[in-house]
N, C-alpha and C. Protein backbone atom coordinates (compact mmCIF):
# COMPACT_ATOMS: atom_id res chain seq x y z
N MET A 1 184.51 -58.12 -141.65
CA MET A 1 183.33 -58.48 -140.83
C MET A 1 182.84 -57.24 -140.11
N ALA A 2 181.54 -57.09 -140.08
CA ALA A 2 180.96 -55.91 -139.44
C ALA A 2 181.13 -56.00 -137.94
N ASP A 3 181.27 -54.83 -137.30
CA ASP A 3 181.38 -54.80 -135.84
C ASP A 3 180.08 -55.25 -135.22
N PRO A 4 180.11 -55.99 -134.09
CA PRO A 4 178.87 -56.42 -133.43
C PRO A 4 178.11 -55.23 -132.88
N LEU A 5 176.76 -55.34 -132.89
CA LEU A 5 175.94 -54.25 -132.36
C LEU A 5 176.04 -54.16 -130.86
N VAL A 6 176.32 -55.27 -130.18
CA VAL A 6 176.45 -55.31 -128.73
C VAL A 6 177.86 -55.71 -128.38
N LEU A 7 178.54 -54.91 -127.59
CA LEU A 7 179.91 -55.22 -127.21
C LEU A 7 179.95 -56.49 -126.38
N PRO A 8 181.00 -57.25 -126.49
CA PRO A 8 181.09 -58.54 -125.78
C PRO A 8 180.89 -58.41 -124.28
N GLU A 9 181.37 -57.30 -123.68
CA GLU A 9 181.25 -57.17 -122.23
C GLU A 9 179.82 -57.03 -121.75
N TYR A 10 178.91 -56.75 -122.67
CA TYR A 10 177.49 -56.63 -122.30
C TYR A 10 176.72 -57.93 -122.49
N GLY A 11 177.40 -58.98 -122.84
CA GLY A 11 176.77 -60.28 -122.88
C GLY A 11 176.10 -60.55 -124.21
N PRO A 12 175.45 -61.72 -124.35
CA PRO A 12 174.80 -62.11 -125.61
C PRO A 12 173.55 -61.28 -125.85
N THR A 13 173.20 -61.14 -127.14
CA THR A 13 171.99 -60.42 -127.50
C THR A 13 170.78 -61.32 -127.28
N LEU A 14 169.59 -60.71 -127.33
CA LEU A 14 168.37 -61.48 -127.16
C LEU A 14 168.23 -62.56 -128.23
N PRO A 15 168.50 -62.25 -129.53
CA PRO A 15 168.45 -63.31 -130.53
C PRO A 15 169.40 -64.47 -130.22
N ASP A 16 170.62 -64.14 -129.69
CA ASP A 16 171.56 -65.19 -129.30
C ASP A 16 170.98 -66.07 -128.21
N LEU A 17 170.39 -65.43 -127.19
CA LEU A 17 169.79 -66.18 -126.09
C LEU A 17 168.65 -67.05 -126.58
N ALA A 18 167.80 -66.50 -127.47
CA ALA A 18 166.67 -67.27 -127.99
C ALA A 18 167.15 -68.45 -128.82
N ARG A 19 168.24 -68.25 -129.58
CA ARG A 19 168.77 -69.34 -130.39
C ARG A 19 169.32 -70.46 -129.52
N ARG A 20 170.03 -70.08 -128.43
CA ARG A 20 170.60 -71.09 -127.55
C ARG A 20 169.52 -71.84 -126.77
N ARG A 21 168.51 -71.09 -126.35
CA ARG A 21 167.48 -71.70 -125.48
C ARG A 21 166.42 -72.46 -126.26
N PHE A 22 165.92 -71.82 -127.36
CA PHE A 22 164.80 -72.41 -128.08
C PHE A 22 165.15 -72.88 -129.49
N GLY A 23 166.35 -72.57 -129.93
CA GLY A 23 166.72 -72.97 -131.28
C GLY A 23 166.15 -72.08 -132.34
N TRP A 24 165.67 -70.85 -131.94
CA TRP A 24 165.08 -69.94 -132.91
C TRP A 24 166.18 -69.25 -133.72
N ARG A 25 165.88 -69.01 -135.00
CA ARG A 25 166.78 -68.19 -135.80
C ARG A 25 166.59 -66.72 -135.45
N GLU A 26 167.57 -65.90 -135.79
CA GLU A 26 167.52 -64.48 -135.41
C GLU A 26 166.31 -63.79 -136.01
N ARG A 27 165.99 -64.10 -137.27
CA ARG A 27 164.85 -63.44 -137.91
C ARG A 27 163.54 -63.82 -137.23
N THR A 28 163.45 -65.04 -136.68
CA THR A 28 162.24 -65.45 -135.96
C THR A 28 162.07 -64.63 -134.69
N THR A 29 163.17 -64.46 -133.94
CA THR A 29 163.11 -63.68 -132.71
C THR A 29 162.73 -62.23 -132.99
N VAL A 30 163.32 -61.65 -134.03
CA VAL A 30 163.02 -60.26 -134.38
C VAL A 30 161.56 -60.12 -134.77
N ALA A 31 161.04 -61.09 -135.55
CA ALA A 31 159.64 -61.04 -135.96
C ALA A 31 158.71 -61.11 -134.77
N LEU A 32 159.03 -61.96 -133.79
CA LEU A 32 158.21 -62.08 -132.59
C LEU A 32 158.23 -60.79 -131.79
N LEU A 33 159.39 -60.16 -131.68
CA LEU A 33 159.49 -58.89 -130.95
C LEU A 33 158.69 -57.79 -131.63
N LEU A 34 158.77 -57.76 -132.97
CA LEU A 34 158.00 -56.75 -133.69
C LEU A 34 156.50 -56.99 -133.53
N GLY A 35 156.10 -58.25 -133.54
CA GLY A 35 154.68 -58.57 -133.35
C GLY A 35 154.19 -58.18 -131.97
N ALA A 36 155.02 -58.46 -130.93
CA ALA A 36 154.64 -58.08 -129.57
C ALA A 36 154.53 -56.57 -129.43
N GLY A 37 155.45 -55.86 -130.08
CA GLY A 37 155.39 -54.40 -130.03
C GLY A 37 154.14 -53.86 -130.68
N ALA A 38 153.75 -54.48 -131.81
CA ALA A 38 152.53 -54.04 -132.50
C ALA A 38 151.30 -54.27 -131.64
N LEU A 39 151.26 -55.41 -130.93
CA LEU A 39 150.12 -55.69 -130.05
C LEU A 39 150.04 -54.67 -128.92
N ILE A 40 151.18 -54.27 -128.38
CA ILE A 40 151.19 -53.27 -127.31
C ILE A 40 150.66 -51.94 -127.81
N VAL A 41 151.07 -51.55 -129.01
CA VAL A 41 150.60 -50.29 -129.59
C VAL A 41 149.09 -50.33 -129.80
N ILE A 42 148.58 -51.45 -130.32
CA ILE A 42 147.14 -51.59 -130.54
C ILE A 42 146.39 -51.49 -129.22
N ALA A 43 146.92 -52.15 -128.17
CA ALA A 43 146.25 -52.13 -126.86
C ALA A 43 146.20 -50.71 -126.32
N VAL A 44 147.28 -49.95 -126.49
CA VAL A 44 147.31 -48.57 -126.00
C VAL A 44 146.29 -47.72 -126.76
N LEU A 45 146.19 -47.93 -128.08
CA LEU A 45 145.25 -47.16 -128.89
C LEU A 45 143.81 -47.48 -128.53
N LEU A 46 143.54 -48.74 -128.18
CA LEU A 46 142.17 -49.14 -127.85
C LEU A 46 141.79 -48.75 -126.44
N VAL A 47 142.68 -48.95 -125.48
CA VAL A 47 142.37 -48.71 -124.08
C VAL A 47 142.55 -47.24 -123.71
N GLY A 48 143.55 -46.59 -124.28
CA GLY A 48 143.84 -45.21 -123.92
C GLY A 48 142.67 -44.28 -124.08
N PRO A 49 141.99 -44.27 -125.25
CA PRO A 49 140.84 -43.36 -125.41
C PRO A 49 139.73 -43.63 -124.43
N GLN A 50 139.52 -44.93 -124.06
CA GLN A 50 138.46 -45.23 -123.10
C GLN A 50 138.78 -44.64 -121.74
N VAL A 51 140.06 -44.72 -121.33
CA VAL A 51 140.46 -44.15 -120.04
C VAL A 51 140.35 -42.64 -120.07
N ASP A 52 140.81 -42.03 -121.19
CA ASP A 52 140.80 -40.57 -121.30
C ASP A 52 139.37 -40.02 -121.31
N ARG A 53 138.40 -40.80 -121.78
CA ARG A 53 137.02 -40.32 -121.87
C ARG A 53 136.33 -40.28 -120.52
N LEU A 54 136.88 -40.97 -119.53
CA LEU A 54 136.22 -41.06 -118.24
C LEU A 54 136.56 -39.85 -117.37
N ALA A 55 135.53 -39.14 -116.91
CA ALA A 55 135.70 -37.97 -116.06
C ALA A 55 135.10 -38.27 -114.68
N LYS A 56 135.56 -37.52 -113.70
CA LYS A 56 135.09 -37.72 -112.33
C LYS A 56 134.65 -36.38 -111.75
N TYR A 57 133.40 -36.35 -111.29
CA TYR A 57 132.91 -35.17 -110.58
C TYR A 57 132.92 -35.47 -109.09
N VAL A 58 133.48 -34.56 -108.29
CA VAL A 58 133.51 -34.71 -106.84
C VAL A 58 132.86 -33.50 -106.19
N HIS A 59 131.86 -33.74 -105.36
CA HIS A 59 131.23 -32.68 -104.57
C HIS A 59 131.93 -32.67 -103.22
N HIS A 60 132.76 -31.66 -102.97
CA HIS A 60 133.63 -31.65 -101.79
C HIS A 60 132.93 -31.16 -100.53
N ASP A 61 131.86 -30.39 -100.67
CA ASP A 61 131.12 -29.95 -99.49
C ASP A 61 130.22 -31.08 -98.99
N GLU A 62 129.77 -30.96 -97.75
CA GLU A 62 128.88 -31.99 -97.21
C GLU A 62 127.51 -31.92 -97.89
N PRO A 63 126.95 -33.06 -98.24
CA PRO A 63 127.56 -34.40 -98.19
C PRO A 63 128.52 -34.64 -99.35
N VAL A 64 129.66 -35.23 -99.04
CA VAL A 64 130.69 -35.48 -100.05
C VAL A 64 130.28 -36.71 -100.87
N PHE A 65 130.35 -36.56 -102.20
CA PHE A 65 130.03 -37.70 -103.07
C PHE A 65 130.73 -37.50 -104.41
N ASN A 66 130.72 -38.52 -105.23
CA ASN A 66 131.34 -38.41 -106.54
C ASN A 66 130.56 -39.22 -107.58
N LEU A 67 130.76 -38.86 -108.84
CA LEU A 67 130.17 -39.54 -109.99
C LEU A 67 131.24 -39.72 -111.06
N LEU A 68 131.22 -40.86 -111.74
CA LEU A 68 132.08 -41.08 -112.89
C LEU A 68 131.21 -41.04 -114.14
N TYR A 69 131.68 -40.37 -115.18
CA TYR A 69 130.87 -40.29 -116.39
C TYR A 69 131.75 -40.20 -117.63
N ASP A 70 131.21 -40.66 -118.73
CA ASP A 70 131.88 -40.63 -120.02
C ASP A 70 131.78 -39.21 -120.57
N ARG A 71 132.92 -38.54 -120.69
CA ARG A 71 132.91 -37.15 -121.15
C ARG A 71 132.48 -37.05 -122.62
N GLY A 72 132.50 -38.16 -123.34
CA GLY A 72 132.01 -38.15 -124.71
C GLY A 72 130.50 -38.23 -124.79
N ALA A 73 129.86 -38.58 -123.65
CA ALA A 73 128.40 -38.70 -123.63
C ALA A 73 127.74 -37.60 -122.81
N LEU A 74 128.35 -37.24 -121.68
CA LEU A 74 127.74 -36.28 -120.76
C LEU A 74 128.71 -35.14 -120.45
N HIS A 75 128.16 -34.03 -120.03
CA HIS A 75 128.97 -32.90 -119.59
C HIS A 75 128.25 -32.20 -118.44
N GLU A 76 129.01 -31.47 -117.65
CA GLU A 76 128.41 -30.72 -116.54
C GLU A 76 127.59 -29.55 -117.09
N ALA A 77 126.42 -29.35 -116.50
CA ALA A 77 125.54 -28.25 -116.89
C ALA A 77 125.16 -27.46 -115.65
N GLU A 78 124.53 -26.31 -115.86
CA GLU A 78 124.12 -25.47 -114.74
C GLU A 78 123.06 -26.19 -113.90
N PRO A 79 123.32 -26.38 -112.59
CA PRO A 79 122.31 -27.03 -111.74
C PRO A 79 121.01 -26.23 -111.72
N GLN A 80 119.89 -26.92 -111.60
CA GLN A 80 118.59 -26.28 -111.54
C GLN A 80 117.99 -26.44 -110.14
N GLY A 81 117.35 -25.38 -109.65
CA GLY A 81 116.75 -25.43 -108.32
C GLY A 81 117.79 -25.68 -107.26
N ASP A 82 117.57 -26.69 -106.42
CA ASP A 82 118.51 -26.98 -105.33
C ASP A 82 119.50 -28.08 -105.70
N GLU A 83 119.63 -28.39 -106.98
CA GLU A 83 120.57 -29.44 -107.40
C GLU A 83 122.00 -29.08 -107.04
N LEU A 84 122.76 -30.08 -106.64
CA LEU A 84 124.18 -29.90 -106.34
C LEU A 84 125.04 -30.10 -107.58
N VAL A 85 124.59 -30.94 -108.48
CA VAL A 85 125.30 -31.16 -109.75
C VAL A 85 124.29 -31.64 -110.77
N ARG A 86 124.58 -31.31 -112.02
CA ARG A 86 123.71 -31.74 -113.12
C ARG A 86 124.59 -32.12 -114.30
N LEU A 87 124.39 -33.32 -114.82
CA LEU A 87 125.07 -33.78 -116.03
C LEU A 87 124.02 -33.96 -117.12
N GLN A 88 124.37 -33.62 -118.34
CA GLN A 88 123.41 -33.81 -119.42
C GLN A 88 124.15 -34.10 -120.72
N GLY A 89 123.39 -34.65 -121.68
CA GLY A 89 123.99 -34.96 -122.97
C GLY A 89 122.92 -35.34 -123.96
N ARG A 90 123.34 -35.46 -125.22
CA ARG A 90 122.41 -35.84 -126.29
C ARG A 90 123.17 -36.65 -127.32
N ARG A 91 122.50 -37.65 -127.85
CA ARG A 91 123.03 -38.43 -128.96
C ARG A 91 121.88 -38.71 -129.92
N GLY A 92 121.95 -38.12 -131.11
CA GLY A 92 120.86 -38.30 -132.06
C GLY A 92 119.57 -37.73 -131.49
N ARG A 93 118.53 -38.56 -131.41
CA ARG A 93 117.24 -38.12 -130.89
C ARG A 93 117.03 -38.55 -129.44
N LEU A 94 118.10 -38.92 -128.77
CA LEU A 94 118.03 -39.33 -127.37
C LEU A 94 118.74 -38.29 -126.51
N SER A 95 118.04 -37.75 -125.51
CA SER A 95 118.65 -36.80 -124.57
C SER A 95 118.56 -37.38 -123.16
N ALA A 96 119.48 -36.96 -122.30
CA ALA A 96 119.50 -37.52 -120.95
C ALA A 96 120.08 -36.52 -119.96
N THR A 97 119.64 -36.62 -118.73
CA THR A 97 120.18 -35.83 -117.63
C THR A 97 120.33 -36.70 -116.40
N ILE A 98 121.32 -36.36 -115.59
CA ILE A 98 121.51 -36.95 -114.27
C ILE A 98 121.70 -35.79 -113.30
N ALA A 99 121.03 -35.83 -112.18
CA ALA A 99 121.14 -34.75 -111.20
C ALA A 99 121.17 -35.33 -109.78
N VAL A 100 121.84 -34.60 -108.89
CA VAL A 100 121.88 -34.97 -107.48
C VAL A 100 121.45 -33.76 -106.67
N ALA A 101 120.48 -33.96 -105.79
CA ALA A 101 119.95 -32.87 -104.97
C ALA A 101 119.78 -33.34 -103.53
N PRO A 102 119.78 -32.40 -102.57
CA PRO A 102 119.52 -32.78 -101.17
C PRO A 102 118.12 -33.37 -101.04
N LEU A 103 117.97 -34.28 -100.10
CA LEU A 103 116.68 -34.92 -99.86
C LEU A 103 116.28 -34.68 -98.41
N SER A 104 115.17 -33.96 -98.21
CA SER A 104 114.69 -33.66 -96.85
C SER A 104 113.70 -34.74 -96.43
N LEU A 105 114.10 -35.52 -95.45
CA LEU A 105 113.25 -36.60 -94.97
C LEU A 105 112.57 -36.20 -93.66
N PRO A 106 111.43 -36.78 -93.36
CA PRO A 106 110.78 -36.51 -92.06
C PRO A 106 111.70 -36.95 -90.93
N ARG A 107 111.58 -36.29 -89.79
CA ARG A 107 112.38 -36.67 -88.63
C ARG A 107 112.09 -38.10 -88.25
N ALA A 108 113.15 -38.85 -88.03
CA ALA A 108 113.00 -40.26 -87.67
C ALA A 108 114.25 -40.73 -86.96
N THR A 109 114.11 -41.78 -86.19
CA THR A 109 115.25 -42.40 -85.51
C THR A 109 115.29 -43.87 -85.90
N GLY A 110 116.44 -44.47 -85.65
CA GLY A 110 116.56 -45.89 -85.95
C GLY A 110 116.91 -46.14 -87.40
N ASP A 111 116.39 -47.22 -87.95
CA ASP A 111 116.71 -47.63 -89.31
C ASP A 111 115.90 -46.82 -90.31
N VAL A 112 116.45 -45.67 -90.69
CA VAL A 112 115.76 -44.78 -91.62
C VAL A 112 115.65 -45.41 -93.00
N ALA A 113 116.68 -46.14 -93.41
CA ALA A 113 116.71 -46.72 -94.75
C ALA A 113 115.54 -47.68 -94.97
N HIS A 114 115.24 -48.49 -93.97
CA HIS A 114 114.19 -49.49 -94.13
C HIS A 114 112.83 -49.02 -93.61
N GLY A 115 112.84 -48.00 -92.75
CA GLY A 115 111.58 -47.53 -92.19
C GLY A 115 111.02 -46.31 -92.88
N THR A 116 111.84 -45.27 -93.03
CA THR A 116 111.36 -44.00 -93.57
C THR A 116 111.36 -43.94 -95.09
N LEU A 117 112.40 -44.45 -95.73
CA LEU A 117 112.50 -44.31 -97.19
C LEU A 117 111.33 -44.93 -97.95
N PRO A 118 110.87 -46.14 -97.61
CA PRO A 118 109.72 -46.69 -98.36
C PRO A 118 108.46 -45.83 -98.22
N ALA A 119 108.22 -45.31 -97.00
CA ALA A 119 107.05 -44.46 -96.80
C ALA A 119 107.20 -43.15 -97.55
N PHE A 120 108.40 -42.59 -97.54
CA PHE A 120 108.65 -41.34 -98.24
C PHE A 120 108.51 -41.55 -99.75
N ALA A 121 108.91 -42.72 -100.23
CA ALA A 121 108.81 -43.01 -101.67
C ALA A 121 107.37 -42.95 -102.14
N SER A 122 106.43 -43.37 -101.31
CA SER A 122 105.01 -43.30 -101.69
C SER A 122 104.58 -41.86 -101.90
N VAL A 123 105.04 -40.97 -101.04
CA VAL A 123 104.75 -39.53 -101.20
C VAL A 123 105.41 -39.01 -102.47
N HIS A 124 106.63 -39.43 -102.71
CA HIS A 124 107.37 -38.99 -103.88
C HIS A 124 106.66 -39.41 -105.17
N ILE A 125 106.14 -40.62 -105.18
CA ILE A 125 105.41 -41.11 -106.36
C ILE A 125 104.17 -40.26 -106.62
N ARG A 126 103.45 -39.91 -105.58
CA ARG A 126 102.26 -39.07 -105.75
C ARG A 126 102.63 -37.69 -106.29
N GLN A 127 103.78 -37.17 -105.85
CA GLN A 127 104.24 -35.87 -106.37
C GLN A 127 104.57 -35.97 -107.86
N LEU A 128 105.22 -37.06 -108.25
CA LEU A 128 105.53 -37.26 -109.66
C LEU A 128 104.26 -37.37 -110.50
N GLN A 129 103.27 -38.08 -109.97
CA GLN A 129 102.00 -38.22 -110.68
C GLN A 129 101.34 -36.86 -110.91
N ALA A 130 101.46 -35.99 -109.92
CA ALA A 130 100.83 -34.67 -110.03
C ALA A 130 101.60 -33.74 -110.97
N GLU A 131 102.91 -33.93 -111.06
CA GLU A 131 103.76 -33.02 -111.83
C GLU A 131 103.95 -33.43 -113.28
N LEU A 132 103.97 -34.74 -113.56
CA LEU A 132 104.35 -35.22 -114.89
C LEU A 132 103.14 -35.70 -115.69
N PRO A 133 103.04 -35.29 -116.94
CA PRO A 133 101.92 -35.76 -117.78
C PRO A 133 102.11 -37.22 -118.17
N ALA A 134 101.02 -37.92 -118.31
CA ALA A 134 101.03 -39.32 -118.75
C ALA A 134 101.97 -40.17 -117.89
N PHE A 135 101.95 -39.90 -116.58
CA PHE A 135 102.83 -40.64 -115.66
C PHE A 135 102.40 -42.10 -115.59
N ARG A 136 103.39 -43.00 -115.68
CA ARG A 136 103.12 -44.43 -115.53
C ARG A 136 104.16 -45.03 -114.59
N PHE A 137 103.70 -45.50 -113.45
CA PHE A 137 104.58 -46.13 -112.48
C PHE A 137 105.08 -47.47 -113.04
N VAL A 138 106.36 -47.74 -112.87
CA VAL A 138 106.95 -49.00 -113.37
C VAL A 138 107.26 -49.94 -112.22
N THR A 139 108.12 -49.50 -111.28
CA THR A 139 108.47 -50.36 -110.15
C THR A 139 109.15 -49.55 -109.07
N GLU A 140 109.26 -50.13 -107.90
CA GLU A 140 109.98 -49.50 -106.79
C GLU A 140 110.58 -50.60 -105.92
N GLY A 141 111.59 -50.23 -105.13
CA GLY A 141 112.17 -51.23 -104.24
C GLY A 141 113.47 -50.75 -103.62
N ARG A 142 113.91 -51.48 -102.61
CA ARG A 142 115.16 -51.14 -101.95
C ARG A 142 116.33 -51.32 -102.91
N ALA A 143 117.34 -50.49 -102.73
CA ALA A 143 118.53 -50.57 -103.57
C ALA A 143 119.75 -50.25 -102.73
N ARG A 144 120.83 -50.94 -103.00
CA ARG A 144 122.12 -50.63 -102.36
C ARG A 144 123.10 -50.30 -103.47
N VAL A 145 123.57 -49.06 -103.48
CA VAL A 145 124.43 -48.58 -104.55
C VAL A 145 125.81 -48.28 -103.99
N ASN A 146 126.79 -49.05 -104.43
CA ASN A 146 128.18 -48.88 -103.98
C ASN A 146 128.27 -48.78 -102.46
N GLY A 147 127.54 -49.67 -101.80
CA GLY A 147 127.61 -49.78 -100.34
C GLY A 147 126.63 -48.92 -99.58
N ALA A 148 125.93 -48.00 -100.25
CA ALA A 148 125.01 -47.09 -99.57
C ALA A 148 123.57 -47.59 -99.72
N PRO A 149 122.79 -47.58 -98.63
CA PRO A 149 121.40 -48.04 -98.71
C PRO A 149 120.50 -46.97 -99.35
N GLY A 150 119.50 -47.44 -100.08
CA GLY A 150 118.60 -46.49 -100.72
C GLY A 150 117.30 -47.14 -101.12
N TYR A 151 116.49 -46.36 -101.82
CA TYR A 151 115.19 -46.84 -102.30
C TYR A 151 114.97 -46.20 -103.67
N GLU A 152 114.63 -47.01 -104.67
CA GLU A 152 114.54 -46.50 -106.04
C GLU A 152 113.12 -46.62 -106.58
N VAL A 153 112.73 -45.59 -107.32
CA VAL A 153 111.45 -45.56 -108.02
C VAL A 153 111.72 -45.42 -109.51
N ARG A 154 111.08 -46.27 -110.31
CA ARG A 154 111.22 -46.20 -111.77
C ARG A 154 109.86 -45.91 -112.39
N PHE A 155 109.85 -45.05 -113.40
CA PHE A 155 108.58 -44.64 -113.99
C PHE A 155 108.78 -44.21 -115.43
N GLN A 156 107.67 -43.94 -116.09
CA GLN A 156 107.68 -43.43 -117.46
C GLN A 156 106.68 -42.29 -117.57
N SER A 157 107.07 -41.24 -118.28
CA SER A 157 106.18 -40.12 -118.54
C SER A 157 106.27 -39.80 -120.02
N GLY A 158 105.29 -40.26 -120.78
CA GLY A 158 105.37 -40.11 -122.22
C GLY A 158 106.55 -40.90 -122.75
N ARG A 159 107.48 -40.22 -123.42
CA ARG A 159 108.68 -40.87 -123.96
C ARG A 159 109.89 -40.71 -123.04
N THR A 160 109.65 -40.21 -121.85
CA THR A 160 110.74 -40.04 -120.88
C THR A 160 110.71 -41.17 -119.86
N PHE A 161 111.86 -41.80 -119.66
CA PHE A 161 112.01 -42.85 -118.67
C PHE A 161 112.83 -42.30 -117.51
N GLY A 162 112.35 -42.51 -116.28
CA GLY A 162 112.99 -41.92 -115.12
C GLY A 162 113.36 -42.93 -114.04
N ASN A 163 114.47 -42.65 -113.37
CA ASN A 163 114.92 -43.39 -112.18
C ASN A 163 115.18 -42.38 -111.09
N ASP A 164 114.52 -42.53 -109.95
CA ASP A 164 114.76 -41.66 -108.80
C ASP A 164 115.27 -42.51 -107.65
N LEU A 165 116.48 -42.21 -107.22
CA LEU A 165 117.11 -42.97 -106.14
C LEU A 165 117.24 -42.11 -104.90
N MET A 166 116.55 -42.50 -103.83
CA MET A 166 116.68 -41.85 -102.53
C MET A 166 117.73 -42.63 -101.74
N ILE A 167 118.83 -41.97 -101.37
CA ILE A 167 119.97 -42.71 -100.84
C ILE A 167 120.55 -42.04 -99.59
N LEU A 168 121.12 -42.88 -98.71
CA LEU A 168 121.71 -42.43 -97.45
C LEU A 168 123.14 -42.95 -97.33
N PRO A 169 124.00 -42.24 -96.59
CA PRO A 169 125.35 -42.76 -96.36
C PRO A 169 125.33 -44.06 -95.54
N THR A 170 124.44 -44.12 -94.53
CA THR A 170 124.26 -45.30 -93.71
C THR A 170 122.77 -45.46 -93.42
N GLU A 171 122.39 -46.58 -92.86
CA GLU A 171 120.98 -46.85 -92.59
C GLU A 171 120.33 -45.81 -91.68
N GLU A 172 121.13 -45.16 -90.81
CA GLU A 172 120.56 -44.25 -89.82
C GLU A 172 120.89 -42.79 -90.07
N ASP A 173 121.58 -42.48 -91.15
CA ASP A 173 122.01 -41.10 -91.41
C ASP A 173 121.06 -40.41 -92.37
N ALA A 174 120.05 -39.72 -91.81
CA ALA A 174 119.08 -39.00 -92.64
C ALA A 174 119.56 -37.58 -92.96
N GLU A 175 120.58 -37.09 -92.25
CA GLU A 175 121.04 -35.72 -92.43
C GLU A 175 121.65 -35.52 -93.82
N ASN A 176 122.31 -36.54 -94.33
CA ASN A 176 123.00 -36.41 -95.62
C ASN A 176 122.30 -37.20 -96.72
N ALA A 177 120.98 -37.31 -96.61
CA ALA A 177 120.22 -38.01 -97.65
C ALA A 177 120.25 -37.22 -98.96
N LEU A 178 120.27 -37.94 -100.07
CA LEU A 178 120.31 -37.31 -101.39
C LEU A 178 119.31 -37.98 -102.32
N LEU A 179 118.90 -37.21 -103.33
CA LEU A 179 118.03 -37.73 -104.38
C LEU A 179 118.83 -37.70 -105.68
N VAL A 180 119.09 -38.89 -106.22
CA VAL A 180 119.82 -39.02 -107.49
C VAL A 180 118.80 -39.36 -108.56
N THR A 181 118.71 -38.53 -109.59
CA THR A 181 117.70 -38.74 -110.63
C THR A 181 118.36 -38.93 -111.99
N ALA A 182 117.75 -39.76 -112.81
CA ALA A 182 118.17 -39.95 -114.20
C ALA A 182 116.94 -39.85 -115.09
N ARG A 183 117.05 -39.11 -116.18
CA ARG A 183 115.96 -38.97 -117.15
C ARG A 183 116.53 -39.24 -118.55
N ARG A 184 115.83 -40.10 -119.29
CA ARG A 184 116.22 -40.40 -120.67
C ARG A 184 114.98 -40.25 -121.54
N THR A 185 115.07 -39.40 -122.57
CA THR A 185 113.93 -39.14 -123.45
C THR A 185 114.23 -39.64 -124.85
N PHE A 186 113.41 -40.59 -125.31
CA PHE A 186 113.53 -41.17 -126.65
C PHE A 186 112.43 -40.60 -127.54
N THR A 187 112.76 -40.29 -128.78
CA THR A 187 111.72 -39.88 -129.72
C THR A 187 111.48 -40.97 -130.76
N ARG A 188 112.21 -42.08 -130.63
CA ARG A 188 112.04 -43.23 -131.53
C ARG A 188 112.82 -44.38 -130.92
N LYS A 189 112.73 -45.55 -131.53
CA LYS A 189 113.53 -46.68 -131.08
C LYS A 189 114.99 -46.33 -131.26
N PRO A 190 115.83 -46.47 -130.22
CA PRO A 190 117.21 -46.02 -130.32
C PRO A 190 118.04 -46.82 -131.32
N THR A 191 118.91 -46.11 -132.02
CA THR A 191 119.88 -46.76 -132.90
C THR A 191 120.98 -47.38 -132.05
N THR A 192 121.92 -48.06 -132.69
CA THR A 192 123.03 -48.66 -131.95
C THR A 192 123.83 -47.61 -131.20
N GLY A 193 124.10 -46.48 -131.86
CA GLY A 193 124.86 -45.41 -131.22
C GLY A 193 124.10 -44.78 -130.07
N GLU A 194 122.79 -44.61 -130.25
CA GLU A 194 121.97 -44.02 -129.19
C GLU A 194 121.86 -44.98 -128.00
N GLN A 195 121.82 -46.29 -128.27
CA GLN A 195 121.76 -47.26 -127.18
C GLN A 195 123.07 -47.26 -126.40
N ALA A 196 124.19 -47.10 -127.10
CA ALA A 196 125.49 -47.00 -126.41
C ALA A 196 125.51 -45.77 -125.51
N PHE A 197 124.92 -44.68 -125.98
CA PHE A 197 124.82 -43.46 -125.18
C PHE A 197 123.97 -43.71 -123.94
N ALA A 198 122.82 -44.39 -124.12
CA ALA A 198 121.94 -44.71 -123.00
C ALA A 198 122.66 -45.58 -121.97
N ASP A 199 123.48 -46.52 -122.45
CA ASP A 199 124.26 -47.37 -121.54
C ASP A 199 125.27 -46.54 -120.75
N ALA A 200 125.89 -45.56 -121.40
CA ALA A 200 126.85 -44.69 -120.71
C ALA A 200 126.16 -43.87 -119.63
N VAL A 201 124.94 -43.42 -119.90
CA VAL A 201 124.16 -42.66 -118.92
C VAL A 201 123.83 -43.55 -117.72
N ALA A 202 123.43 -44.79 -118.00
CA ALA A 202 123.11 -45.73 -116.92
C ALA A 202 124.34 -46.01 -116.05
N GLU A 203 125.50 -46.14 -116.68
CA GLU A 203 126.73 -46.38 -115.93
C GLU A 203 127.05 -45.19 -115.02
N ALA A 204 126.87 -43.97 -115.53
CA ALA A 204 127.12 -42.79 -114.72
C ALA A 204 126.17 -42.72 -113.53
N TYR A 205 124.91 -43.02 -113.77
CA TYR A 205 123.90 -43.03 -112.70
C TYR A 205 124.27 -44.03 -111.61
N ARG A 206 124.69 -45.22 -112.03
CA ARG A 206 125.04 -46.26 -111.06
C ARG A 206 126.39 -46.02 -110.39
N SER A 207 127.18 -45.07 -110.90
CA SER A 207 128.50 -44.82 -110.32
C SER A 207 128.45 -43.97 -109.06
N PHE A 208 127.28 -43.40 -108.73
CA PHE A 208 127.18 -42.53 -107.55
C PHE A 208 127.77 -43.23 -106.33
N LYS A 209 128.57 -42.47 -105.57
CA LYS A 209 129.16 -43.02 -104.35
C LYS A 209 129.45 -41.89 -103.38
N TYR A 210 129.11 -42.10 -102.11
CA TYR A 210 129.48 -41.14 -101.08
C TYR A 210 131.00 -41.16 -100.89
N GLY A 211 131.57 -39.98 -100.57
CA GLY A 211 133.01 -39.87 -100.39
C GLY A 211 133.68 -39.44 -101.69
N THR A 212 135.00 -39.41 -101.67
CA THR A 212 135.75 -38.96 -102.85
C THR A 212 136.30 -40.13 -103.68
N ALA A 213 136.34 -41.32 -103.10
CA ALA A 213 136.85 -42.48 -103.82
C ALA A 213 135.80 -43.01 -104.76
N ALA A 214 136.18 -43.28 -106.01
CA ALA A 214 135.23 -43.80 -106.98
C ALA A 214 134.89 -45.25 -106.67
N LYS A 215 133.84 -45.72 -107.30
CA LYS A 215 133.39 -47.10 -107.03
C LYS A 215 134.43 -48.11 -107.46
């Protein structure tokens, strides 16, 4: 008789326990264990790449903020003008950028988010109209992004779709106001892959949050 794989002092094996408790044969228990192991491996293969693709940008100087983005879709690029950070990417015939820049608001006291931002947005829209060809206003309105109050303007310029978010850490903090912009340029109706890229860009744009903790 072959020696047991588990010494008696270490107690019954799992197949023994399963047989006593559920009446399973040893081959049934082994098959179930192998199946569970295969499911775990599949889950790691599916979830692992998604986790590894997620990158986090943190701006440590004041104002402190962070962005989460899919490294397979976007990458850090050289900031332009007074931008603090710039992300950009391309998939097929679709290109996109996300940028964060300081926002200088008129001096105001009290509820800046509800008083100053809407008035400033009107000025901002006129500036966009003067700067961008074939500008078409889409919509505007108050927005709260990951707990921070803001005001968003959406527009189209030719084949470029834009979102401009004027945001504050709190309703009364105009000192650390920021302008978060997203631009997506289509040269045709997006394919499935290009639409997935556009969704990743939208997720990165919406991930903006003051502080170092992600949303």
